[in-house]
C-alpha atoms as a PDB file:
ATOM      1  CA  MET A   1      71.128 -56.951-173.291  1.00  0.00           C
ATOM      2  CA  LYS A   2      68.556 -54.052-173.938  1.00  0.00           C
ATOM      3  CA  ASN A   3      69.408 -51.232-176.615  1.00  0.00           C
ATOM      4  CA  ILE A   4      67.835 -48.081-175.595  1.00  0.00           C
ATOM      5  CA  VAL A   5      69.217 -46.306-178.640  1.00  0.00           C
ATOM      6  CA  LYS A   6      68.060 -49.009-181.076  1.00  0.00           C
ATOM      7  CA  GLU A   7      64.493 -49.084-179.632  1.00  0.00           C
ATOM      8  CA  LYS A   8      64.340 -45.252-179.633  1.00  0.00           C
ATOM      9  CA  LEU A   9      65.189 -45.327-183.571  1.00  0.00           C
ATOM     10  CA  LYS A  10      62.542 -47.976-183.986  1.00  0.00           C
ATOM     11  CA  ARG A  11      60.114 -45.974-182.656  1.00  0.00           C
ATOM     12  CA  GLY A  12      61.118 -42.970-184.640  1.00  0.00           C
ATOM     13  CA  GLU A  13      62.341 -40.851-182.175  1.00  0.00           C
ATOM     14  CA  ASN A  14      65.705 -38.817-181.958  1.00  0.00           C
ATOM     15  CA  ALA A  15      69.047 -40.146-180.407  1.00  0.00           C
ATOM     16  CA  VAL A  16      71.857 -37.897-179.971  1.00  0.00           C
ATOM     17  CA  GLY A  17      75.219 -38.400-179.340  1.00  0.00           C
ATOM     18  CA  THR A  18      78.654 -37.349-179.504  1.00  0.00           C
ATOM     19  CA  PHE A  19      82.175 -38.617-180.581  1.00  0.00           C
ATOM     20  CA  VAL A  20      84.665 -39.376-177.733  1.00  0.00           C
ATOM     21  CA  GLU A  21      88.441 -39.366-179.061  1.00  0.00           C
ATOM     22  CA  MET A  22      90.350 -38.493-175.707  1.00  0.00           C
ATOM     23  CA  GLY A  23      90.912 -42.065-174.149  1.00  0.00           C
ATOM     24  CA  HIS A  24      90.509 -41.393-170.581  1.00  0.00           C
ATOM     25  CA  PRO A  25      87.634 -42.947-168.009  1.00  0.00           C
ATOM     26  CA  ASP A  26      86.816 -39.357-166.745  1.00  0.00           C
ATOM     27  CA  VAL A  27      85.722 -38.380-170.199  1.00  0.00           C
ATOM     28  CA  ALA A  28      83.485 -41.057-170.804  1.00  0.00           C
ATOM     29  CA  ASN A  29      81.666 -40.775-167.358  1.00  0.00           C
ATOM     30  CA  LEU A  30      81.391 -37.363-167.365  1.00  0.00           C
ATOM     31  CA  LEU A  31      79.605 -37.472-171.093  1.00  0.00           C
ATOM     32  CA  SER A  32      77.760 -40.221-170.385  1.00  0.00           C
ATOM     33  CA  HIS A  33      76.152 -38.644-167.358  1.00  0.00           C
ATOM     34  CA  ALA A  34      75.539 -35.309-169.180  1.00  0.00           C
ATOM     35  CA  GLY A  35      72.039 -36.765-170.994  1.00  0.00           C
ATOM     36  CA  PHE A  36      73.371 -37.990-174.212  1.00  0.00           C
ATOM     37  CA  ASP A  37      71.475 -41.037-175.327  1.00  0.00           C
ATOM     38  CA  TRP A  38      74.746 -42.804-176.711  1.00  0.00           C
ATOM     39  CA  LEU A  39      78.595 -42.097-176.913  1.00  0.00           C
ATOM     40  CA  LEU A  40      80.607 -42.982-180.044  1.00  0.00           C
ATOM     41  CA  LEU A  41      83.882 -44.377-178.889  1.00  0.00           C
ATOM     42  CA  ASP A  42      86.082 -43.466-181.763  1.00  0.00           C
ATOM     43  CA  GLY A  43      88.579 -46.290-182.826  1.00  0.00           C
ATOM     44  CA  GLU A  44      89.150 -44.989-186.502  1.00  0.00           C
ATOM     45  CA  HIS A  45      90.819 -41.880-185.831  1.00  0.00           C
ATOM     46  CA  SER A  46      91.860 -41.590-182.355  1.00  0.00           C
ATOM     47  CA  PRO A  47      94.863 -43.544-180.736  1.00  0.00           C
ATOM     48  CA  MET A  48      92.400 -45.490-178.303  1.00  0.00           C
ATOM     49  CA  SER A  49      93.481 -49.226-177.815  1.00  0.00           C
ATOM     50  CA  PHE A  50      91.210 -52.010-176.740  1.00  0.00           C
ATOM     51  CA  GLU A  51      92.215 -52.116-173.115  1.00  0.00           C
ATOM     52  CA  THR A  52      91.363 -48.442-173.020  1.00  0.00           C
ATOM     53  CA  MET A  53      87.944 -48.675-174.992  1.00  0.00           C
ATOM     54  CA  GLU A  54      87.333 -51.368-172.000  1.00  0.00           C
ATOM     55  CA  ILE A  55      87.895 -48.881-168.928  1.00  0.00           C
ATOM     56  CA  MET A  56      85.748 -46.119-170.728  1.00  0.00           C
ATOM     57  CA  LEU A  57      82.989 -48.772-171.108  1.00  0.00           C
ATOM     58  CA  GLN A  58      83.300 -49.205-167.502  1.00  0.00           C
ATOM     59  CA  ALA A  59      83.231 -45.773-166.700  1.00  0.00           C
ATOM     60  CA  MET A  60      79.914 -45.298-168.217  1.00  0.00           C
ATOM     61  CA  GLU A  61      78.177 -48.196-166.258  1.00  0.00           C
ATOM     62  CA  GLY A  62      74.978 -46.980-164.213  1.00  0.00           C
ATOM     63  CA  SER A  63      74.761 -43.775-166.667  1.00  0.00           C
ATOM     64  CA  GLY A  64      71.682 -44.884-168.670  1.00  0.00           C
ATOM     65  CA  CYS A  65      73.901 -43.838-171.842  1.00  0.00           C
ATOM     66  CA  THR A  66      74.354 -46.535-174.745  1.00  0.00           C
ATOM     67  CA  PRO A  67      77.737 -47.382-175.668  1.00  0.00           C
ATOM     68  CA  ILE A  68      78.609 -47.560-179.259  1.00  0.00           C
ATOM     69  CA  ILE A  69      82.087 -47.781-180.890  1.00  0.00           C
ATOM     70  CA  ARG A  70      83.520 -46.948-184.408  1.00  0.00           C
ATOM     71  CA  PRO A  71      85.635 -49.861-185.398  1.00  0.00           C
ATOM     72  CA  GLN A  72      88.933 -49.111-187.241  1.00  0.00           C
ATOM     73  CA  TRP A  73      87.536 -50.947-190.140  1.00  0.00           C
ATOM     74  CA  ASN A  74      84.957 -53.227-191.552  1.00  0.00           C
ATOM     75  CA  ASP A  75      86.943 -55.868-190.148  1.00  0.00           C
ATOM     76  CA  PRO A  76      85.017 -59.218-188.347  1.00  0.00           C
ATOM     77  CA  VAL A  77      88.358 -59.563-185.779  1.00  0.00           C
ATOM     78  CA  ILE A  78      88.157 -55.728-184.790  1.00  0.00           C
ATOM     79  CA  ILE A  79      84.594 -55.704-184.457  1.00  0.00           C
ATOM     80  CA  LYS A  80      84.103 -59.057-182.583  1.00  0.00           C
ATOM     81  CA  ARG A  81      86.830 -57.332-180.029  1.00  0.00           C
ATOM     82  CA  ILE A  82      84.686 -54.450-179.801  1.00  0.00           C
ATOM     83  CA  LEU A  83      81.416 -56.070-178.892  1.00  0.00           C
ATOM     84  CA  ASP A  84      82.858 -58.512-176.355  1.00  0.00           C
ATOM     85  CA  LEU A  85      83.981 -55.383-174.796  1.00  0.00           C
ATOM     86  CA  GLY A  86      80.439 -54.566-174.177  1.00  0.00           C
ATOM     87  CA  ALA A  87      79.527 -52.285-176.947  1.00  0.00           C
ATOM     88  CA  HIS A  88      75.979 -52.064-177.501  1.00  0.00           C
ATOM     89  CA  GLY A  89      76.547 -50.890-181.469  1.00  0.00           C
ATOM     90  CA  ILE A  90      78.955 -50.309-183.947  1.00  0.00           C
ATOM     91  CA  VAL A  91      79.113 -47.644-186.633  1.00  0.00           C
ATOM     92  CA  VAL A  92      81.322 -49.188-189.379  1.00  0.00           C
ATOM     93  CA  PRO A  93      83.272 -46.748-191.593  1.00  0.00           C
ATOM     94  CA  TRP A  94      83.776 -46.762-195.243  1.00  0.00           C
ATOM     95  CA  VAL A  95      80.877 -49.193-196.294  1.00  0.00           C
ATOM     96  CA  ASN A  96      80.608 -48.379-200.074  1.00  0.00           C
ATOM     97  CA  THR A  97      78.377 -51.822-201.340  1.00  0.00           C
ATOM     98  CA  LYS A  98      75.714 -54.240-200.348  1.00  0.00           C
ATOM     99  CA  GLU A  99      78.376 -57.166-199.719  1.00  0.00           C
ATOM    100  CA  GLU A 100      80.079 -54.770-197.172  1.00  0.00           C
ATOM    101  CA  ALA A 101      77.160 -53.969-195.511  1.00  0.00           C
ATOM    102  CA  GLU A 102      76.502 -57.879-195.434  1.00  0.00           C
ATOM    103  CA  ALA A 103      79.959 -58.510-194.085  1.00  0.00           C
ATOM    104  CA  ALA A 104      79.311 -55.908-191.177  1.00  0.00           C
ATOM    105  CA  VAL A 105      76.066 -57.465-190.214  1.00  0.00           C
ATOM    106  CA  ALA A 106      77.395 -60.913-190.169  1.00  0.00           C
ATOM    107  CA  ALA A 107      80.652 -59.840-188.261  1.00  0.00           C
ATOM    108  CA  ALA A 108      78.297 -58.475-185.436  1.00  0.00           C
ATOM    109  CA  ARG A 109      76.063 -61.674-185.195  1.00  0.00           C
ATOM    110  CA  TYR A 110      76.352 -64.931-183.956  1.00  0.00           C
ATOM    111  CA  PRO A 111      75.702 -68.311-186.069  1.00  0.00           C
ATOM    112  CA  PRO A 112      73.563 -68.744-187.670  1.00  0.00           C
ATOM    113  CA  GLU A 113      72.766 -65.404-188.646  1.00  0.00           C
ATOM    114  CA  GLY A 114      76.649 -64.481-188.502  1.00  0.00           C
ATOM    115  CA  ILE A 115      79.866 -65.484-187.985  1.00  0.00           C
ATOM    116  CA  ARG A 116      80.914 -63.765-184.616  1.00  0.00           C
ATOM    117  CA  GLY A 117      82.911 -66.231-182.739  1.00  0.00           C
ATOM    118  CA  TRP A 118      81.873 -66.861-178.967  1.00  0.00           C
ATOM    119  CA  GLY A 119      83.873 -65.238-176.206  1.00  0.00           C
ATOM    120  CA  PRO A 120      81.868 -62.059-175.056  1.00  0.00           C
ATOM    121  CA  ARG A 121      83.756 -61.633-171.805  1.00  0.00           C
ATOM    122  CA  ARG A 122      82.896 -58.328-170.204  1.00  0.00           C
ATOM    123  CA  ALA A 123      79.632 -58.136-172.753  1.00  0.00           C
ATOM    124  CA  SER A 124      77.763 -61.159-170.802  1.00  0.00           C
ATOM    125  CA  ARG A 125      79.487 -60.950-167.413  1.00  0.00           C
ATOM    126  CA  TYR A 126      76.497 -59.987-165.591  1.00  0.00           C
ATOM    127  CA  ASP A 127      73.886 -60.805-168.390  1.00  0.00           C
ATOM    128  CA  PRO A 128      72.649 -64.262-168.718  1.00  0.00           C
ATOM    129  CA  ASP A 129      70.823 -63.624-171.539  1.00  0.00           C
ATOM    130  CA  TYR A 130      73.537 -61.870-173.347  1.00  0.00           C
ATOM    131  CA  ARG A 131      73.395 -65.041-176.023  1.00  0.00           C
ATOM    132  CA  ASN A 132      69.762 -64.849-176.561  1.00  0.00           C
ATOM    133  CA  THR A 133      69.417 -61.058-176.983  1.00  0.00           C
ATOM    134  CA  ALA A 134      72.874 -59.778-178.742  1.00  0.00           C
ATOM    135  CA  ASN A 135      71.744 -60.618-182.341  1.00  0.00           C
ATOM    136  CA  GLU A 136      68.471 -58.711-181.903  1.00  0.00           C
ATOM    137  CA  GLU A 137      69.923 -56.097-179.666  1.00  0.00           C
ATOM    138  CA  ILE A 138      73.269 -54.825-181.192  1.00  0.00           C
ATOM    139  CA  LEU A 139      72.893 -52.042-183.189  1.00  0.00           C
ATOM    140  CA  VAL A 140      74.787 -51.683-186.496  1.00  0.00           C
ATOM    141  CA  CYS A 141      75.039 -48.424-188.446  1.00  0.00           C
ATOM    142  CA  VAL A 142      76.970 -48.205-191.787  1.00  0.00           C
ATOM    143  CA  GLN A 143      78.891 -44.759-192.841  1.00  0.00           C
ATOM    144  CA  VAL A 144      77.893 -42.708-195.948  1.00  0.00           C
ATOM    145  CA  GLU A 145      81.136 -41.179-197.197  1.00  0.00           C
ATOM    146  CA  THR A 146      81.597 -41.630-200.764  1.00  0.00           C
ATOM    147  CA  GLN A 147      79.781 -41.276-204.289  1.00  0.00           C
ATOM    148  CA  LYS A 148      80.050 -45.019-204.280  1.00  0.00           C
ATOM    149  CA  SER A 149      77.808 -45.678-201.168  1.00  0.00           C
ATOM    150  CA  LEU A 150      75.497 -42.862-202.366  1.00  0.00           C
ATOM    151  CA  ASP A 151      75.009 -44.948-205.362  1.00  0.00           C
ATOM    152  CA  ASN A 152      74.767 -48.153-203.683  1.00  0.00           C
ATOM    153  CA  LEU A 153      72.751 -46.970-200.534  1.00  0.00           C
ATOM    154  CA  ASP A 154      69.452 -48.375-201.793  1.00  0.00           C
ATOM    155  CA  GLU A 155      70.931 -52.051-201.544  1.00  0.00           C
ATOM    156  CA  ILE A 156      73.013 -51.114-198.670  1.00  0.00           C
ATOM    157  CA  MET A 157      69.868 -50.045-196.422  1.00  0.00           C
ATOM    158  CA  GLY A 158      68.016 -52.867-197.892  1.00  0.00           C
ATOM    159  CA  VAL A 159      70.487 -55.375-196.104  1.00  0.00           C
ATOM    160  CA  ASP A 160      68.549 -57.451-193.110  1.00  0.00           C
ATOM    161  CA  GLY A 161      70.302 -56.414-189.893  1.00  0.00           C
ATOM    162  CA  ILE A 162      71.614 -52.699-191.135  1.00  0.00           C
ATOM    163  CA  ASP A 163      69.633 -50.407-188.606  1.00  0.00           C
ATOM    164  CA  ALA A 164      70.629 -47.027-189.505  1.00  0.00           C
ATOM    165  CA  CYS A 165      73.186 -44.918-191.517  1.00  0.00           C
ATOM    166  CA  TYR A 166      75.302 -41.968-190.622  1.00  0.00           C
ATOM    167  CA  VAL A 167      76.826 -39.597-193.075  1.00  0.00           C
ATOM    168  CA  GLY A 168      80.442 -38.340-192.414  1.00  0.00           C
ATOM    169  CA  PRO A 169      79.679 -34.963-193.888  1.00  0.00           C
ATOM    170  CA  TRP A 170      83.653 -34.045-194.150  1.00  0.00           C
ATOM    171  CA  ASP A 171      84.814 -37.296-195.898  1.00  0.00           C
ATOM    172  CA  LEU A 172      81.333 -37.252-198.270  1.00  0.00           C
ATOM    173  CA  SER A 173      82.167 -33.648-198.927  1.00  0.00           C
ATOM    174  CA  ASN A 174      85.823 -34.637-199.767  1.00  0.00           C
ATOM    175  CA  ASN A 175      85.045 -37.629-201.660  1.00  0.00           C
ATOM    176  CA  LEU A 176      82.642 -35.827-204.089  1.00  0.00           C
ATOM    177  CA  GLY A 177      85.327 -33.014-204.764  1.00  0.00           C
ATOM    178  CA  PHE A 178      84.047 -30.107-202.732  1.00  0.00           C
ATOM    179  CA  SER A 179      85.359 -28.314-199.514  1.00  0.00           C
ATOM    180  CA  VAL A 180      86.373 -29.788-196.414  1.00  0.00           C
ATOM    181  CA  PRO A 181      84.689 -28.467-193.933  1.00  0.00           C
ATOM    182  CA  PRO A 182      81.674 -29.032-196.159  1.00  0.00           C
ATOM    183  CA  ASN A 183      79.492 -26.364-197.629  1.00  0.00           C
ATOM    184  CA  TYR A 184      75.806 -26.770-196.720  1.00  0.00           C
ATOM    185  CA  ASP A 185      75.094 -24.138-199.334  1.00  0.00           C
ATOM    186  CA  ASN A 186      76.439 -26.099-201.733  1.00  0.00           C
ATOM    187  CA  LYS A 187      73.028 -27.678-203.601  1.00  0.00           C
ATOM    188  CA  THR A 188      74.754 -30.938-205.065  1.00  0.00           C
ATOM    189  CA  PHE A 189      76.208 -31.864-201.366  1.00  0.00           C
ATOM    190  CA  THR A 190      72.830 -31.056-199.934  1.00  0.00           C
ATOM    191  CA  ASP A 191      70.876 -32.846-202.726  1.00  0.00           C
ATOM    192  CA  ALA A 192      73.321 -35.730-201.697  1.00  0.00           C
ATOM    193  CA  LEU A 193      72.184 -35.533-197.954  1.00  0.00           C
ATOM    194  CA  ASP A 194      68.218 -35.370-198.958  1.00  0.00           C
ATOM    195  CA  HIS A 195      69.137 -38.712-200.975  1.00  0.00           C
ATOM    196  CA  VAL A 196      70.330 -40.354-197.862  1.00  0.00           C
ATOM    197  CA  LEU A 197      67.057 -39.275-195.824  1.00  0.00           C
ATOM    198  CA  LYS A 198      64.847 -40.428-198.769  1.00  0.00           C
ATOM    199  CA  VAL A 199      66.569 -44.005-198.993  1.00  0.00           C
ATOM    200  CA  ALA A 200      66.603 -44.443-195.297  1.00  0.00           C
ATOM    201  CA  ALA A 201      62.880 -43.412-195.037  1.00  0.00           C
ATOM    202  CA  ASP A 202      62.163 -45.960-197.909  1.00  0.00           C
ATOM    203  CA  HIS A 203      63.700 -48.573-195.675  1.00  0.00           C
ATOM    204  CA  GLY A 204      61.871 -47.798-192.758  1.00  0.00           C
ATOM    205  CA  LYS A 205      65.369 -46.972-190.809  1.00  0.00           C
ATOM    206  CA  ALA A 206      66.953 -43.919-189.344  1.00  0.00           C
ATOM    207  CA  ALA A 207      69.824 -41.690-190.899  1.00  0.00           C
ATOM    208  CA  GLY A 208      72.299 -39.536-188.662  1.00  0.00           C
ATOM    209  CA  LEU A 209      74.699 -36.734-189.418  1.00  0.00           C
ATOM    210  CA  TRP A 210      77.833 -35.469-187.568  1.00  0.00           C
ATOM    211  CA  THR A 211      76.688 -31.881-186.509  1.00  0.00           C
ATOM    212  CA  ASN A 212      77.913 -28.794-184.968  1.00  0.00           C
ATOM    213  CA  LEU A 213      76.536 -26.227-182.748  1.00  0.00           C
ATOM    214  CA  ASP A 214      74.681 -24.225-185.528  1.00  0.00           C
ATOM    215  CA  ASN A 215      73.594 -26.839-187.690  1.00  0.00           C
ATOM    216  CA  VAL A 216      72.063 -29.557-185.385  1.00  0.00           C
ATOM    217  CA  GLY A 217      68.812 -27.911-185.442  1.00  0.00           C
ATOM    218  CA  TRP A 218      68.814 -27.820-188.893  1.00  0.00           C
ATOM    219  CA  ALA A 219      69.698 -31.688-189.336  1.00  0.00           C
ATOM    220  CA  VAL A 220      67.075 -32.726-187.079  1.00  0.00           C
ATOM    221  CA  GLU A 221      64.408 -30.459-188.897  1.00  0.00           C
ATOM    222  CA  LYS A 222      65.465 -32.250-192.042  1.00  0.00           C
ATOM    223  CA  GLY A 223      64.759 -35.842-190.721  1.00  0.00           C
ATOM    224  CA  PHE A 224      68.318 -36.871-189.217  1.00  0.00           C
ATOM    225  CA  ARG A 225      67.539 -38.747-186.112  1.00  0.00           C
ATOM    226  CA  PHE A 226      70.917 -40.474-185.060  1.00  0.00           C
ATOM    227  CA  ASN A 227      73.146 -37.483-184.915  1.00  0.00           C
ATOM    228  CA  THR A 228      76.251 -36.315-183.097  1.00  0.00           C
ATOM    229  CA  VAL A 229      76.938 -33.122-181.639  1.00  0.00           C
ATOM    230  CA  ILE A 230      80.640 -32.158-182.262  1.00  0.00           C
ATOM    231  CA  ASN A 231      82.981 -33.997-180.064  1.00  0.00           C
ATOM    232  CA  ALA A 232      84.588 -34.196-176.805  1.00  0.00           C
ATOM    233  CA  ASP A 233      87.669 -32.492-177.870  1.00  0.00           C
ATOM    234  CA  MET A 234      85.670 -29.421-179.164  1.00  0.00           C
ATOM    235  CA  MET A 235      83.527 -29.487-176.100  1.00  0.00           C
ATOM    236  CA  LEU A 236      86.647 -28.954-174.152  1.00  0.00           C
ATOM    237  CA  GLN A 237      88.214 -26.322-176.357  1.00  0.00           C
ATOM    238  CA  TYR A 238      85.281 -24.317-176.688  1.00  0.00           C
ATOM    239  CA  GLY A 239      84.266 -24.686-172.507  1.00  0.00           C
ATOM    240  CA  ALA A 240      88.299 -23.622-171.944  1.00  0.00           C
ATOM    241  CA  ALA A 241      87.852 -20.597-174.537  1.00  0.00           C
ATOM    242  CA  GLU A 242      84.651 -19.445-173.017  1.00  0.00           C
ATOM    243  CA  ALA A 243      86.443 -19.715-169.541  1.00  0.00           C
ATOM    244  CA  VAL A 244      89.459 -17.770-170.461  1.00  0.00           C
ATOM    245  CA  LYS A 245      87.099 -14.834-172.233  1.00  0.00           C
ATOM    246  CA  ARG A 246      85.099 -14.267-169.035  1.00  0.00           C
ATOM    247  CA  GLY A 247      88.192 -14.651-166.950  1.00  0.00           C
ATOM    248  CA  ARG A 248      89.368 -11.628-168.750  1.00  0.00           C
ATOM    249  CA  GLY A 249      86.224  -9.516-168.545  1.00  0.00           C
ATOM    250  CA  LEU A 250      85.463  -9.725-172.488  1.00  0.00           C
END
């Protein structure tokens, strides 16, 4: 396998994606051909099953868009099944310690580097080199969502096999005791974001952020390189609202 997004991040380039929480292959197919570098199928907050995720990954074939999945939790059984479906990477929620980061890496790698069991099904179906390349090519990203993760971030990002970190700004703001949605004029909150960027840069790794249409440019200027821009639900909602507005001549 070849992970195009991981390669871009290693070169210091930006890789832009979006969240997909609607479990239909047409959504994955349309968005994967829209120009995004990667799509994140969300297993944490959406109702998608493994079967649905597999069909959506199939719908992305031939698009050149990298499929990444967020597992429900930092669980080796869940991560194993996600990777066996053919995901090229994982964004692992609620990673707060070095040990939890190490567990995520171990779950994503075959022995002797990890504990992933052999049975890749779809992932290796048309890739005879999968076993020899998977450990190196699968992207492992951890989410920064708590004060504890901020406090331990240097150790977390120092774990071999962690390629990037990704800030869930709503969860982080909520955990720090601030507003939801986050207030980007709150200096304590933006200082936390600066801390994430510095630690990631110190380790030569990428940091990402969930962004909206108004602040994605700001995020890129600050140095976030592994960003998502809104999500499929919001794109549908915004597009529908705009269509209604124009249809009424407003």
